[in-house]
Amino acid sequence: MPPRPSLRRPTAGWYPKRGEVYLVALDKPRPAVVLSVNALNEHALDVCLVPVTSVHHQEFRVRVPIRAGDGGLNADCWAKCDQVTTLEKTFLRYPPLGTLSDTALANIQLQVRFALGLL
């Protein structure tokens, strides 16, 4: 799973960017990819996220692989494109772990569209 980030306070003007990976403070810290667009992320109180897991399920076509190192993740993981969610920005642990590659983000976008019947 991802490394433990420092719990620094966000800098003035900070907002989560599309494609960044954050630990999200739920029952335990879990990684998630910001999916919502920056224009919304900058002004809204919440963001749209795709959760990330280290558990691979072969039968889920909509789980996108993310290679270790991409987005600051230290192990191979999978984006759970069938479980898109929205959370308040206060649940995100600053700073982000990293930013996904363009290829990984494009694959996530495609599978989210598929999972939501938007293709």
PDB file of N, CA and C in Angstrom:
ATOM      1  N   MET A   1       0.846  -1.184   0.000  1.00  0.00           N
ATOM      2  CA  MET A   1       0.000   0.000   0.000  1.00  0.00           C
ATOM      3  C   MET A   1       0.885   1.239   0.000  1.00  0.00           C
ATOM      4  N   PRO A   2       0.258   2.424  -0.004  1.00  0.00           N
ATOM      5  CA  PRO A   2       1.021   3.653  -0.151  1.00  0.00           C
ATOM      6  C   PRO A   2       1.841   3.994   1.080  1.00  0.00           C
ATOM      7  N   PRO A   3       2.893   4.774   0.889  1.00  0.00           N
ATOM      8  CA  PRO A   3       3.673   5.228   2.039  1.00  0.00           C
ATOM      9  C   PRO A   3       2.844   6.200   2.868  1.00  0.00           C
ATOM     10  N   ARG A   4       3.225   6.361   4.106  1.00  0.00           N
ATOM     11  CA  ARG A   4       2.520   7.295   5.000  1.00  0.00           C
ATOM     12  C   ARG A   4       3.000   8.710   4.733  1.00  0.00           C
ATOM     13  N   PRO A   5       2.097   9.597   4.304  1.00  0.00           N
ATOM     14  CA  PRO A   5       2.526  10.974   4.069  1.00  0.00           C
ATOM     15  C   PRO A   5       2.604  11.738   5.376  1.00  0.00           C
ATOM     16  N   SER A   6       3.334  12.847   5.360  1.00  0.00           N
ATOM     17  CA  SER A   6       3.329  13.713   6.523  1.00  0.00           C
ATOM     18  C   SER A   6       1.954  14.364   6.591  1.00  0.00           C
ATOM     19  N   LEU A   7       1.566  14.798   7.753  1.00  0.00           N
ATOM     20  CA  LEU A   7       0.256  15.411   7.905  1.00  0.00           C
ATOM     21  C   LEU A   7       0.410  16.932   7.944  1.00  0.00           C
ATOM     22  N   ARG A   8       1.011  17.468   6.907  1.00  0.00           N
ATOM     23  CA  ARG A   8       1.182  18.918   6.806  1.00  0.00           C
ATOM     24  C   ARG A   8      -0.142  19.565   6.459  1.00  0.00           C
ATOM     25  N   ARG A   9      -0.253  20.820   6.784  1.00  0.00           N
ATOM     26  CA  ARG A   9      -1.431  21.603   6.409  1.00  0.00           C
ATOM     27  C   ARG A   9      -1.285  22.035   4.960  1.00  0.00           C
ATOM     28  N   PRO A  10      -2.397  22.052   4.221  1.00  0.00           N
ATOM     29  CA  PRO A  10      -2.328  22.521   2.833  1.00  0.00           C
ATOM     30  C   PRO A  10      -1.848  23.971   2.765  1.00  0.00           C
ATOM     31  N   THR A  11      -1.169  24.271   1.691  1.00  0.00           N
ATOM     32  CA  THR A  11      -0.720  25.642   1.467  1.00  0.00           C
ATOM     33  C   THR A  11      -1.901  26.497   1.022  1.00  0.00           C
ATOM     34  N   ALA A  12      -1.759  27.808   1.157  1.00  0.00           N
ATOM     35  CA  ALA A  12      -2.824  28.725   0.727  1.00  0.00           C
ATOM     36  C   ALA A  12      -3.094  28.505  -0.754  1.00  0.00           C
ATOM     37  N   GLY A  13      -4.356  28.441  -1.117  1.00  0.00           N
ATOM     38  CA  GLY A  13      -4.737  28.248  -2.511  1.00  0.00           C
ATOM     39  C   GLY A  13      -4.719  26.803  -2.972  1.00  0.00           C
ATOM     40  N   TRP A  14      -4.406  25.877  -2.067  1.00  0.00           N
ATOM     41  CA  TRP A  14      -4.371  24.453  -2.430  1.00  0.00           C
ATOM     42  C   TRP A  14      -5.768  23.950  -2.774  1.00  0.00           C
ATOM     43  N   TYR A  15      -5.805  23.077  -3.742  1.00  0.00           N
ATOM     44  CA  TYR A  15      -6.988  22.263  -4.009  1.00  0.00           C
ATOM     45  C   TYR A  15      -6.515  20.994  -4.718  1.00  0.00           C
ATOM     46  N   PRO A  16      -7.232  19.886  -4.544  1.00  0.00           N
ATOM     47  CA  PRO A  16      -6.826  18.636  -5.189  1.00  0.00           C
ATOM     48  C   PRO A  16      -6.986  18.737  -6.693  1.00  0.00           C
ATOM     49  N   LYS A  17      -6.031  18.168  -7.426  1.00  0.00           N
ATOM     50  CA  LYS A  17      -6.043  18.210  -8.887  1.00  0.00           C
ATOM     51  C   LYS A  17      -6.455  16.846  -9.444  1.00  0.00           C
ATOM     52  N   ARG A  18      -7.130  16.895 -10.586  1.00  0.00           N
ATOM     53  CA  ARG A  18      -7.534  15.673 -11.286  1.00  0.00           C
ATOM     54  C   ARG A  18      -6.304  14.800 -11.539  1.00  0.00           C
ATOM     55  N   GLY A  19      -6.407  13.523 -11.189  1.00  0.00           N
ATOM     56  CA  GLY A  19      -5.314  12.584 -11.392  1.00  0.00           C
ATOM     57  C   GLY A  19      -4.383  12.435 -10.205  1.00  0.00           C
ATOM     58  N   GLU A  20      -4.517  13.303  -9.193  1.00  0.00           N
ATOM     59  CA  GLU A  20      -3.685  13.150  -8.002  1.00  0.00           C
ATOM     60  C   GLU A  20      -4.206  12.000  -7.149  1.00  0.00           C
ATOM     61  N   VAL A  21      -3.283  11.365  -6.444  1.00  0.00           N
ATOM     62  CA  VAL A  21      -3.625  10.265  -5.544  1.00  0.00           C
ATOM     63  C   VAL A  21      -3.439  10.757  -4.112  1.00  0.00           C
ATOM     64  N   TYR A  22      -4.469  10.576  -3.306  1.00  0.00           N
ATOM     65  CA  TYR A  22      -4.445  10.978  -1.900  1.00  0.00           C
ATOM     66  C   TYR A  22      -4.789   9.794  -1.017  1.00  0.00           C
ATOM     67  N   LEU A  23      -4.292   9.834   0.212  1.00  0.00           N
ATOM     68  CA  LEU A  23      -4.848   8.954   1.223  1.00  0.00           C
ATOM     69  C   LEU A  23      -6.114   9.629   1.713  1.00  0.00           C
ATOM     70  N   VAL A  24      -7.169   8.846   1.855  1.00  0.00           N
ATOM     71  CA  VAL A  24      -8.460   9.345   2.291  1.00  0.00           C
ATOM     72  C   VAL A  24      -8.715   8.786   3.683  1.00  0.00           C
ATOM     73  N   ALA A  25      -9.063   9.655   4.618  1.00  0.00           N
ATOM     74  CA  ALA A  25      -9.277   9.259   6.009  1.00  0.00           C
ATOM     75  C   ALA A  25     -10.681   8.697   6.172  1.00  0.00           C
ATOM     76  N   LEU A  26     -10.804   7.380   6.058  1.00  0.00           N
ATOM     77  CA  LEU A  26     -12.079   6.699   6.282  1.00  0.00           C
ATOM     78  C   LEU A  26     -11.920   5.848   7.534  1.00  0.00           C
ATOM     79  N   ASP A  27     -12.336   4.588   7.517  1.00  0.00           N
ATOM     80  CA  ASP A  27     -12.131   3.720   8.673  1.00  0.00           C
ATOM     81  C   ASP A  27     -10.639   3.523   8.932  1.00  0.00           C
ATOM     82  N   LYS A  28      -9.863   3.553   7.857  1.00  0.00           N
ATOM     83  CA  LYS A  28      -8.406   3.591   7.909  1.00  0.00           C
ATOM     84  C   LYS A  28      -7.962   4.327   6.650  1.00  0.00           C
ATOM     85  N   PRO A  29      -6.743   4.853   6.625  1.00  0.00           N
ATOM     86  CA  PRO A  29      -6.307   5.591   5.435  1.00  0.00           C
ATOM     87  C   PRO A  29      -6.298   4.687   4.201  1.00  0.00           C
ATOM     88  N   ARG A  30      -6.986   5.131   3.152  1.00  0.00           N
ATOM     89  CA  ARG A  30      -7.068   4.375   1.907  1.00  0.00           C
ATOM     90  C   ARG A  30      -6.754   5.314   0.749  1.00  0.00           C
ATOM     91  N   PRO A  31      -6.025   4.829  -0.258  1.00  0.00           N
ATOM     92  CA  PRO A  31      -5.724   5.697  -1.401  1.00  0.00           C
ATOM     93  C   PRO A  31      -6.919   5.840  -2.337  1.00  0.00           C
ATOM     94  N   ALA A  32      -6.971   7.001  -2.997  1.00  0.00           N
ATOM     95  CA  ALA A  32      -8.021   7.270  -3.977  1.00  0.00           C
ATOM     96  C   ALA A  32      -7.487   8.273  -4.995  1.00  0.00           C
ATOM     97  N   VAL A  33      -8.022   8.186  -6.210  1.00  0.00           N
ATOM     98  CA  VAL A  33      -7.631   9.065  -7.310  1.00  0.00           C
ATOM     99  C   VAL A  33      -8.706  10.129  -7.490  1.00  0.00           C
ATOM    100  N   VAL A  34      -8.302  11.383  -7.599  1.00  0.00           N
ATOM    101  CA  VAL A  34      -9.240  12.471  -7.851  1.00  0.00           C
ATOM    102  C   VAL A  34      -9.684  12.383  -9.309  1.00  0.00           C
ATOM    103  N   LEU A  35     -10.983  12.325  -9.522  1.00  0.00           N
ATOM    104  CA  LEU A  35     -11.546  12.191 -10.864  1.00  0.00           C
ATOM    105  C   LEU A  35     -12.219  13.482 -11.345  1.00  0.00           C
ATOM    106  N   SER A  36     -12.756  14.253 -10.430  1.00  0.00           N
ATOM    107  CA  SER A  36     -13.463  15.478 -10.829  1.00  0.00           C
ATOM    108  C   SER A  36     -12.499  16.496 -11.427  1.00  0.00           C
ATOM    109  N   VAL A  37     -13.058  17.395 -12.241  1.00  0.00           N
ATOM    110  CA  VAL A  37     -12.245  18.368 -12.973  1.00  0.00           C
ATOM    111  C   VAL A  37     -11.778  19.489 -12.048  1.00  0.00           C
ATOM    112  N   ASN A  38     -10.642  20.081 -12.396  1.00  0.00           N
ATOM    113  CA  ASN A  38     -10.019  21.083 -11.542  1.00  0.00           C
ATOM    114  C   ASN A  38     -10.901  22.305 -11.292  1.00  0.00           C
ATOM    115  N   ALA A  39     -11.687  22.713 -12.283  1.00  0.00           N
ATOM    116  CA  ALA A  39     -12.561  23.872 -12.094  1.00  0.00           C
ATOM    117  C   ALA A  39     -13.532  23.643 -10.939  1.00  0.00           C
ATOM    118  N   LEU A  40     -14.024  22.415 -10.794  1.00  0.00           N
ATOM    119  CA  LEU A  40     -14.892  22.077  -9.661  1.00  0.00           C
ATOM    120  C   LEU A  40     -14.072  21.881  -8.390  1.00  0.00           C
ATOM    121  N   ASN A  41     -12.943  21.188  -8.507  1.00  0.00           N
ATOM    122  CA  ASN A  41     -12.119  20.893  -7.335  1.00  0.00           C
ATOM    123  C   ASN A  41     -11.663  22.154  -6.616  1.00  0.00           C
ATOM    124  N   GLU A  42     -11.414  23.201  -7.380  1.00  0.00           N
ATOM    125  CA  GLU A  42     -10.926  24.442  -6.778  1.00  0.00           C
ATOM    126  C   GLU A  42     -11.988  25.126  -5.924  1.00  0.00           C
ATOM    127  N   HIS A  43     -13.259  25.040  -6.322  1.00  0.00           N
ATOM    128  CA  HIS A  43     -14.294  25.822  -5.664  1.00  0.00           C
ATOM    129  C   HIS A  43     -15.288  25.021  -4.827  1.00  0.00           C
ATOM    130  N   ALA A  44     -15.486  23.760  -5.152  1.00  0.00           N
ATOM    131  CA  ALA A  44     -16.466  22.941  -4.424  1.00  0.00           C
ATOM    132  C   ALA A  44     -15.888  22.475  -3.085  1.00  0.00           C
ATOM    133  N   LEU A  45     -16.768  22.096  -2.181  1.00  0.00           N
ATOM    134  CA  LEU A  45     -16.333  21.564  -0.892  1.00  0.00           C
ATOM    135  C   LEU A  45     -15.976  20.090  -0.965  1.00  0.00           C
ATOM    136  N   ASP A  46     -16.411  19.418  -2.041  1.00  0.00           N
ATOM    137  CA  ASP A  46     -16.147  17.988  -2.173  1.00  0.00           C
ATOM    138  C   ASP A  46     -15.526  17.683  -3.533  1.00  0.00           C
ATOM    139  N   VAL A  47     -15.008  16.461  -3.651  1.00  0.00           N
ATOM    140  CA  VAL A  47     -14.388  16.002  -4.892  1.00  0.00           C
ATOM    141  C   VAL A  47     -14.892  14.601  -5.210  1.00  0.00           C
ATOM    142  N   CYS A  48     -14.852  14.264  -6.491  1.00  0.00           N
ATOM    143  CA  CYS A  48     -15.224  12.941  -6.961  1.00  0.00           C
ATOM    144  C   CYS A  48     -13.957  12.093  -6.993  1.00  0.00           C
ATOM    145  N   LEU A  49     -14.033  10.894  -6.435  1.00  0.00           N
ATOM    146  CA  LEU A  49     -12.866  10.027  -6.280  1.00  0.00           C
ATOM    147  C   LEU A  49     -13.133   8.617  -6.789  1.00  0.00           C
ATOM    148  N   VAL A  50     -12.050   7.943  -7.183  1.00  0.00           N
ATOM    149  CA  VAL A  50     -12.084   6.522  -7.491  1.00  0.00           C
ATOM    150  C   VAL A  50     -11.180   5.848  -6.460  1.00  0.00           C
ATOM    151  N   PRO A  51     -11.730   4.953  -5.632  1.00  0.00           N
ATOM    152  CA  PRO A  51     -10.900   4.276  -4.635  1.00  0.00           C
ATOM    153  C   PRO A  51      -9.886   3.337  -5.285  1.00  0.00           C
ATOM    154  N   VAL A  52      -8.816   3.095  -4.563  1.00  0.00           N
ATOM    155  CA  VAL A  52      -7.733   2.218  -5.025  1.00  0.00           C
ATOM    156  C   VAL A  52      -7.576   1.087  -4.023  1.00  0.00           C
ATOM    157  N   THR A  53      -7.347  -0.120  -4.539  1.00  0.00           N
ATOM    158  CA  THR A  53      -7.165  -1.290  -3.685  1.00  0.00           C
ATOM    159  C   THR A  53      -5.914  -2.059  -4.086  1.00  0.00           C
ATOM    160  N   SER A  54      -5.381  -2.803  -3.144  1.00  0.00           N
ATOM    161  CA  SER A  54      -4.251  -3.685  -3.448  1.00  0.00           C
ATOM    162  C   SER A  54      -4.734  -5.104  -3.740  1.00  0.00           C
ATOM    163  N   VAL A  55      -6.055  -5.320  -3.646  1.00  0.00           N
ATOM    164  CA  VAL A  55      -6.636  -6.639  -3.887  1.00  0.00           C
ATOM    165  C   VAL A  55      -7.102  -6.731  -5.337  1.00  0.00           C
ATOM    166  N   HIS A  56      -6.586  -7.713  -6.046  1.00  0.00           N
ATOM    167  CA  HIS A  56      -6.929  -7.885  -7.451  1.00  0.00           C
ATOM    168  C   HIS A  56      -8.051  -8.904  -7.608  1.00  0.00           C
ATOM    169  N   HIS A  57      -9.069  -8.531  -8.378  1.00  0.00           N
ATOM    170  CA  HIS A  57     -10.177  -9.434  -8.695  1.00  0.00           C
ATOM    171  C   HIS A  57     -10.216  -9.595 -10.206  1.00  0.00           C
ATOM    172  N   GLN A  58      -9.841 -10.743 -10.706  1.00  0.00           N
ATOM    173  CA  GLN A  58      -9.787 -10.994 -12.144  1.00  0.00           C
ATOM    174  C   GLN A  58     -11.135 -10.813 -12.828  1.00  0.00           C
ATOM    175  N   GLU A  59     -12.217 -11.097 -12.089  1.00  0.00           N
ATOM    176  CA  GLU A  59     -13.529 -11.054 -12.720  1.00  0.00           C
ATOM    177  C   GLU A  59     -14.058  -9.633 -12.916  1.00  0.00           C
ATOM    178  N   PHE A  60     -13.411  -8.630 -12.336  1.00  0.00           N
ATOM    179  CA  PHE A  60     -13.853  -7.252 -12.493  1.00  0.00           C
ATOM    180  C   PHE A  60     -13.087  -6.577 -13.625  1.00  0.00           C
ATOM    181  N   ARG A  61     -13.739  -6.456 -14.757  1.00  0.00           N
ATOM    182  CA  ARG A  61     -13.124  -5.828 -15.914  1.00  0.00           C
ATOM    183  C   ARG A  61     -12.886  -4.334 -15.699  1.00  0.00           C
ATOM    184  N   VAL A  62     -13.672  -3.728 -14.832  1.00  0.00           N
ATOM    185  CA  VAL A  62     -13.583  -2.285 -14.626  1.00  0.00           C
ATOM    186  C   VAL A  62     -12.552  -1.889 -13.565  1.00  0.00           C
ATOM    187  N   ARG A  63     -11.737  -2.815 -13.123  1.00  0.00           N
ATOM    188  CA  ARG A  63     -10.644  -2.506 -12.200  1.00  0.00           C
ATOM    189  C   ARG A  63      -9.385  -2.248 -13.033  1.00  0.00           C
ATOM    190  N   VAL A  64      -8.886  -1.038 -12.975  1.00  0.00           N
ATOM    191  CA  VAL A  64      -7.736  -0.628 -13.788  1.00  0.00           C
ATOM    192  C   VAL A  64      -6.451  -0.824 -12.990  1.00  0.00           C
ATOM    193  N   PRO A  65      -5.480  -1.553 -13.571  1.00  0.00           N
ATOM    194  CA  PRO A  65      -4.213  -1.729 -12.864  1.00  0.00           C
ATOM    195  C   PRO A  65      -3.407  -0.435 -12.814  1.00  0.00           C
ATOM    196  N   ILE A  66      -2.778  -0.216 -11.667  1.00  0.00           N
ATOM    197  CA  ILE A  66      -1.855   0.903 -11.487  1.00  0.00           C
ATOM    198  C   ILE A  66      -0.543   0.299 -11.012  1.00  0.00           C
ATOM    199  N   ARG A  67       0.499   0.527 -11.781  1.00  0.00           N
ATOM    200  CA  ARG A  67       1.806  -0.066 -11.462  1.00  0.00           C
ATOM    201  C   ARG A  67       2.445   0.638 -10.270  1.00  0.00           C
ATOM    202  N   ALA A  68       3.200  -0.120  -9.498  1.00  0.00           N
ATOM    203  CA  ALA A  68       3.939   0.444  -8.366  1.00  0.00           C
ATOM    204  C   ALA A  68       4.759   1.634  -8.849  1.00  0.00           C
ATOM    205  N   GLY A  69       4.743   2.704  -8.087  1.00  0.00           N
ATOM    206  CA  GLY A  69       5.468   3.916  -8.434  1.00  0.00           C
ATOM    207  C   GLY A  69       4.583   4.963  -9.095  1.00  0.00           C
ATOM    208  N   ASP A  70       3.583   4.532  -9.850  1.00  0.00           N
ATOM    209  CA  ASP A  70       2.686   5.479 -10.504  1.00  0.00           C
ATOM    210  C   ASP A  70       1.805   6.134  -9.437  1.00  0.00           C
ATOM    211  N   GLY A  71       1.701   7.436  -9.468  1.00  0.00           N
ATOM    212  CA  GLY A  71       0.876   8.156  -8.507  1.00  0.00           C
ATOM    213  C   GLY A  71       1.398   8.113  -7.085  1.00  0.00           C
ATOM    214  N   GLY A  72       2.655   7.705  -6.908  1.00  0.00           N
ATOM    215  CA  GLY A  72       3.236   7.627  -5.577  1.00  0.00           C
ATOM    216  C   GLY A  72       2.880   6.362  -4.816  1.00  0.00           C
ATOM    217  N   LEU A  73       2.211   5.427  -5.462  1.00  0.00           N
ATOM    218  CA  LEU A  73       1.850   4.154  -4.807  1.00  0.00           C
ATOM    219  C   LEU A  73       3.064   3.236  -4.801  1.00  0.00           C
ATOM    220  N   ASN A  74       3.308   2.570  -3.690  1.00  0.00           N
ATOM    221  CA  ASN A  74       4.520   1.745  -3.583  1.00  0.00           C
ATOM    222  C   ASN A  74       4.295   0.265  -3.875  1.00  0.00           C
ATOM    223  N   ALA A  75       3.106  -0.092  -4.351  1.00  0.00           N
ATOM    224  CA  ALA A  75       2.804  -1.477  -4.727  1.00  0.00           C
ATOM    225  C   ALA A  75       1.840  -1.455  -5.908  1.00  0.00           C
ATOM    226  N   ASP A  76       1.784  -2.549  -6.653  1.00  0.00           N
ATOM    227  CA  ASP A  76       0.784  -2.655  -7.714  1.00  0.00           C
ATOM    228  C   ASP A  76      -0.604  -2.583  -7.074  1.00  0.00           C
ATOM    229  N   CYS A  77      -1.483  -1.787  -7.668  1.00  0.00           N
ATOM    230  CA  CYS A  77      -2.829  -1.586  -7.142  1.00  0.00           C
ATOM    231  C   CYS A  77      -3.824  -1.577  -8.296  1.00  0.00           C
ATOM    232  N   TRP A  78      -5.100  -1.460  -7.943  1.00  0.00           N
ATOM    233  CA  TRP A  78      -6.166  -1.409  -8.936  1.00  0.00           C
ATOM    234  C   TRP A  78      -7.146  -0.305  -8.562  1.00  0.00           C
ATOM    235  N   ALA A  79      -7.512   0.506  -9.545  1.00  0.00           N
ATOM    236  CA  ALA A  79      -8.535   1.536  -9.357  1.00  0.00           C
ATOM    237  C   ALA A  79      -9.900   0.875  -9.480  1.00  0.00           C
ATOM    238  N   LYS A  80     -10.752   1.099  -8.502  1.00  0.00           N
ATOM    239  CA  LYS A  80     -12.078   0.479  -8.445  1.00  0.00           C
ATOM    240  C   LYS A  80     -13.085   1.384  -9.161  1.00  0.00           C
ATOM    241  N   CYS A  81     -13.067   1.333 -10.490  1.00  0.00           N
ATOM    242  CA  CYS A  81     -13.862   2.241 -11.316  1.00  0.00           C
ATOM    243  C   CYS A  81     -15.365   2.003 -11.198  1.00  0.00           C
ATOM    244  N   ASP A  82     -15.750   0.916 -10.578  1.00  0.00           N
ATOM    245  CA  ASP A  82     -17.158   0.615 -10.345  1.00  0.00           C
ATOM    246  C   ASP A  82     -17.638   1.189  -9.014  1.00  0.00           C
ATOM    247  N   GLN A  83     -16.758   1.896  -8.292  1.00  0.00           N
ATOM    248  CA  GLN A  83     -17.123   2.431  -6.974  1.00  0.00           C
ATOM    249  C   GLN A  83     -16.800   3.918  -6.845  1.00  0.00           C
ATOM    250  N   VAL A  84     -17.110   4.683  -7.866  1.00  0.00           N
ATOM    251  CA  VAL A  84     -16.878   6.125  -7.835  1.00  0.00           C
ATOM    252  C   VAL A  84     -17.659   6.718  -6.662  1.00  0.00           C
ATOM    253  N   THR A  85     -17.027   7.657  -5.952  1.00  0.00           N
ATOM    254  CA  THR A  85     -17.676   8.260  -4.786  1.00  0.00           C
ATOM    255  C   THR A  85     -17.318   9.736  -4.694  1.00  0.00           C
ATOM    256  N   THR A  86     -18.017  10.449  -3.842  1.00  0.00           N
ATOM    257  CA  THR A  86     -17.744  11.857  -3.589  1.00  0.00           C
ATOM    258  C   THR A  86     -17.536  12.048  -2.098  1.00  0.00           C
ATOM    259  N   LEU A  87     -16.477  12.789  -1.758  1.00  0.00           N
ATOM    260  CA  LEU A  87     -16.181  13.085  -0.354  1.00  0.00           C
ATOM    261  C   LEU A  87     -15.779  14.545  -0.209  1.00  0.00           C
ATOM    262  N   GLU A  88     -15.995  15.084   0.989  1.00  0.00           N
ATOM    263  CA  GLU A  88     -15.506  16.424   1.282  1.00  0.00           C
ATOM    264  C   GLU A  88     -13.983  16.438   1.230  1.00  0.00           C
ATOM    265  N   LYS A  89     -13.423  17.549   0.796  1.00  0.00           N
ATOM    266  CA  LYS A  89     -11.967  17.676   0.694  1.00  0.00           C
ATOM    267  C   LYS A  89     -11.276  17.491   2.044  1.00  0.00           C
ATOM    268  N   THR A  90     -12.004  17.723   3.135  1.00  0.00           N
ATOM    269  CA  THR A  90     -11.403  17.572   4.467  1.00  0.00           C
ATOM    270  C   THR A  90     -10.997  16.126   4.754  1.00  0.00           C
ATOM    271  N   PHE A  91     -11.520  15.158   3.984  1.00  0.00           N
ATOM    272  CA  PHE A  91     -11.147  13.754   4.166  1.00  0.00           C
ATOM    273  C   PHE A  91      -9.813  13.412   3.499  1.00  0.00           C
ATOM    274  N   LEU A  92      -9.320  14.296   2.630  1.00  0.00           N
ATOM    275  CA  LEU A  92      -8.059  14.041   1.926  1.00  0.00           C
ATOM    276  C   LEU A  92      -6.887  14.419   2.817  1.00  0.00           C
ATOM    277  N   ARG A  93      -5.911  13.533   2.893  1.00  0.00           N
ATOM    278  CA  ARG A  93      -4.709  13.814   3.677  1.00  0.00           C
ATOM    279  C   ARG A  93      -3.672  14.480   2.785  1.00  0.00           C
ATOM    280  N   TYR A  94      -3.387  15.721   3.107  1.00  0.00           N
ATOM    281  CA  TYR A  94      -2.402  16.502   2.369  1.00  0.00           C
ATOM    282  C   TYR A  94      -1.010  16.147   2.869  1.00  0.00           C
ATOM    283  N   PRO A  95      -0.014  16.071   2.015  1.00  0.00           N
ATOM    284  CA  PRO A  95       0.012  16.315   0.583  1.00  0.00           C
ATOM    285  C   PRO A  95      -0.381  15.063  -0.202  1.00  0.00           C
ATOM    286  N   PRO A  96      -0.622  15.213  -1.514  1.00  0.00           N
ATOM    287  CA  PRO A  96      -0.929  14.028  -2.317  1.00  0.00           C
ATOM    288  C   PRO A  96       0.269  13.088  -2.361  1.00  0.00           C
ATOM    289  N   LEU A  97      -0.017  11.809  -2.572  1.00  0.00           N
ATOM    290  CA  LEU A  97       1.058  10.830  -2.731  1.00  0.00           C
ATOM    291  C   LEU A  97       1.803  11.065  -4.042  1.00  0.00           C
ATOM    292  N   GLY A  98       1.056  11.519  -5.055  1.00  0.00           N
ATOM    293  CA  GLY A  98       1.636  11.753  -6.369  1.00  0.00           C
ATOM    294  C   GLY A  98       0.535  11.957  -7.386  1.00  0.00           C
ATOM    295  N   THR A  99       0.914  11.968  -8.654  1.00  0.00           N
ATOM    296  CA  THR A  99      -0.022  12.146  -9.755  1.00  0.00           C
ATOM    297  C   THR A  99       0.094  10.960 -10.699  1.00  0.00           C
ATOM    298  N   LEU A 100      -1.037  10.415 -11.111  1.00  0.00           N
ATOM    299  CA  LEU A 100      -1.037   9.279 -12.034  1.00  0.00           C
ATOM    300  C   LEU A 100      -0.512   9.673 -13.408  1.00  0.00           C
ATOM    301  N   SER A 101       0.012   8.694 -14.110  1.00  0.00           N
ATOM    302  CA  SER A 101       0.415   8.897 -15.498  1.00  0.00           C
ATOM    303  C   SER A 101      -0.824   9.178 -16.337  1.00  0.00           C
ATOM    304  N   ASP A 102      -0.619   9.851 -17.463  1.00  0.00           N
ATOM    305  CA  ASP A 102      -1.735  10.137 -18.374  1.00  0.00           C
ATOM    306  C   ASP A 102      -2.413   8.851 -18.838  1.00  0.00           C
ATOM    307  N   THR A 103      -1.617   7.794 -19.063  1.00  0.00           N
ATOM    308  CA  THR A 103      -2.172   6.520 -19.532  1.00  0.00           C
ATOM    309  C   THR A 103      -3.078   5.895 -18.480  1.00  0.00           C
ATOM    310  N   ALA A 104      -2.620   5.854 -17.241  1.00  0.00           N
ATOM    311  CA  ALA A 104      -3.436   5.263 -16.168  1.00  0.00           C
ATOM    312  C   ALA A 104      -4.724   6.058 -15.978  1.00  0.00           C
ATOM    313  N   LEU A 105      -4.631   7.399 -15.988  1.00  0.00           N
ATOM    314  CA  LEU A 105      -5.827   8.221 -15.808  1.00  0.00           C
ATOM    315  C   LEU A 105      -6.801   8.023 -16.965  1.00  0.00           C
ATOM    316  N   ALA A 106      -6.300   7.935 -18.193  1.00  0.00           N
ATOM    317  CA  ALA A 106      -7.172   7.703 -19.351  1.00  0.00           C
ATOM    318  C   ALA A 106      -7.877   6.355 -19.234  1.00  0.00           C
ATOM    319  N   ASN A 107      -7.178   5.327 -18.771  1.00  0.00           N
ATOM    320  CA  ASN A 107      -7.791   4.005 -18.587  1.00  0.00           C
ATOM    321  C   ASN A 107      -8.873   4.047 -17.512  1.00  0.00           C
ATOM    322  N   ILE A 108      -8.623   4.789 -16.448  1.00  0.00           N
ATOM    323  CA  ILE A 108      -9.617   4.925 -15.381  1.00  0.00           C
ATOM    324  C   ILE A 108     -10.855   5.641 -15.916  1.00  0.00           C
ATOM    325  N   GLN A 109     -10.655   6.729 -16.634  1.00  0.00           N
ATOM    326  CA  GLN A 109     -11.783   7.478 -17.206  1.00  0.00           C
ATOM    327  C   GLN A 109     -12.634   6.579 -18.099  1.00  0.00           C
ATOM    328  N   LEU A 110     -11.996   5.784 -18.939  1.00  0.00           N
ATOM    329  CA  LEU A 110     -12.712   4.893 -19.850  1.00  0.00           C
ATOM    330  C   LEU A 110     -13.544   3.873 -19.078  1.00  0.00           C
ATOM    331  N   GLN A 111     -12.958   3.266 -18.053  1.00  0.00           N
ATOM    332  CA  GLN A 111     -13.672   2.230 -17.300  1.00  0.00           C
ATOM    333  C   GLN A 111     -14.771   2.816 -16.420  1.00  0.00           C
ATOM    334  N   VAL A 112     -14.593   4.049 -15.937  1.00  0.00           N
ATOM    335  CA  VAL A 112     -15.675   4.711 -15.194  1.00  0.00           C
ATOM    336  C   VAL A 112     -16.857   4.944 -16.127  1.00  0.00           C
ATOM    337  N   ARG A 113     -16.571   5.413 -17.324  1.00  0.00           N
ATOM    338  CA  ARG A 113     -17.647   5.617 -18.316  1.00  0.00           C
ATOM    339  C   ARG A 113     -18.363   4.309 -18.594  1.00  0.00           C
ATOM    340  N   PHE A 114     -17.616   3.218 -18.728  1.00  0.00           N
ATOM    341  CA  PHE A 114     -18.209   1.906 -18.976  1.00  0.00           C
ATOM    342  C   PHE A 114     -19.083   1.492 -17.788  1.00  0.00           C
ATOM    343  N   ALA A 115     -18.550   1.639 -16.577  1.00  0.00           N
ATOM    344  CA  ALA A 115     -19.277   1.230 -15.374  1.00  0.00           C
ATOM    345  C   ALA A 115     -20.568   2.022 -15.172  1.00  0.00           C
ATOM    346  N   LEU A 116     -20.580   3.272 -15.641  1.00  0.00           N
ATOM    347  CA  LEU A 116     -21.765   4.116 -15.474  1.00  0.00           C
ATOM    348  C   LEU A 116     -22.684   4.097 -16.698  1.00  0.00           C
ATOM    349  N   GLY A 117     -22.335   3.277 -17.704  1.00  0.00           N
ATOM    350  CA  GLY A 117     -23.163   3.152 -18.885  1.00  0.00           C
ATOM    351  C   GLY A 117     -23.120   4.382 -19.767  1.00  0.00           C
ATOM    352  N   LEU A 118     -21.992   5.072 -19.813  1.00  0.00           N
ATOM    353  CA  LEU A 118     -21.860   6.292 -20.586  1.00  0.00           C
ATOM    354  C   LEU A 118     -21.119   6.087 -21.912  1.00  0.00           C
ATOM    355  N   LEU A 119     -20.909   4.851 -22.297  1.00  0.00           N
ATOM    356  CA  LEU A 119     -20.228   4.571 -23.575  1.00  0.00           C
ATOM    357  C   LEU A 119     -21.240   4.301 -24.661  1.00  0.00           C
TER     358      LEU A 119
END
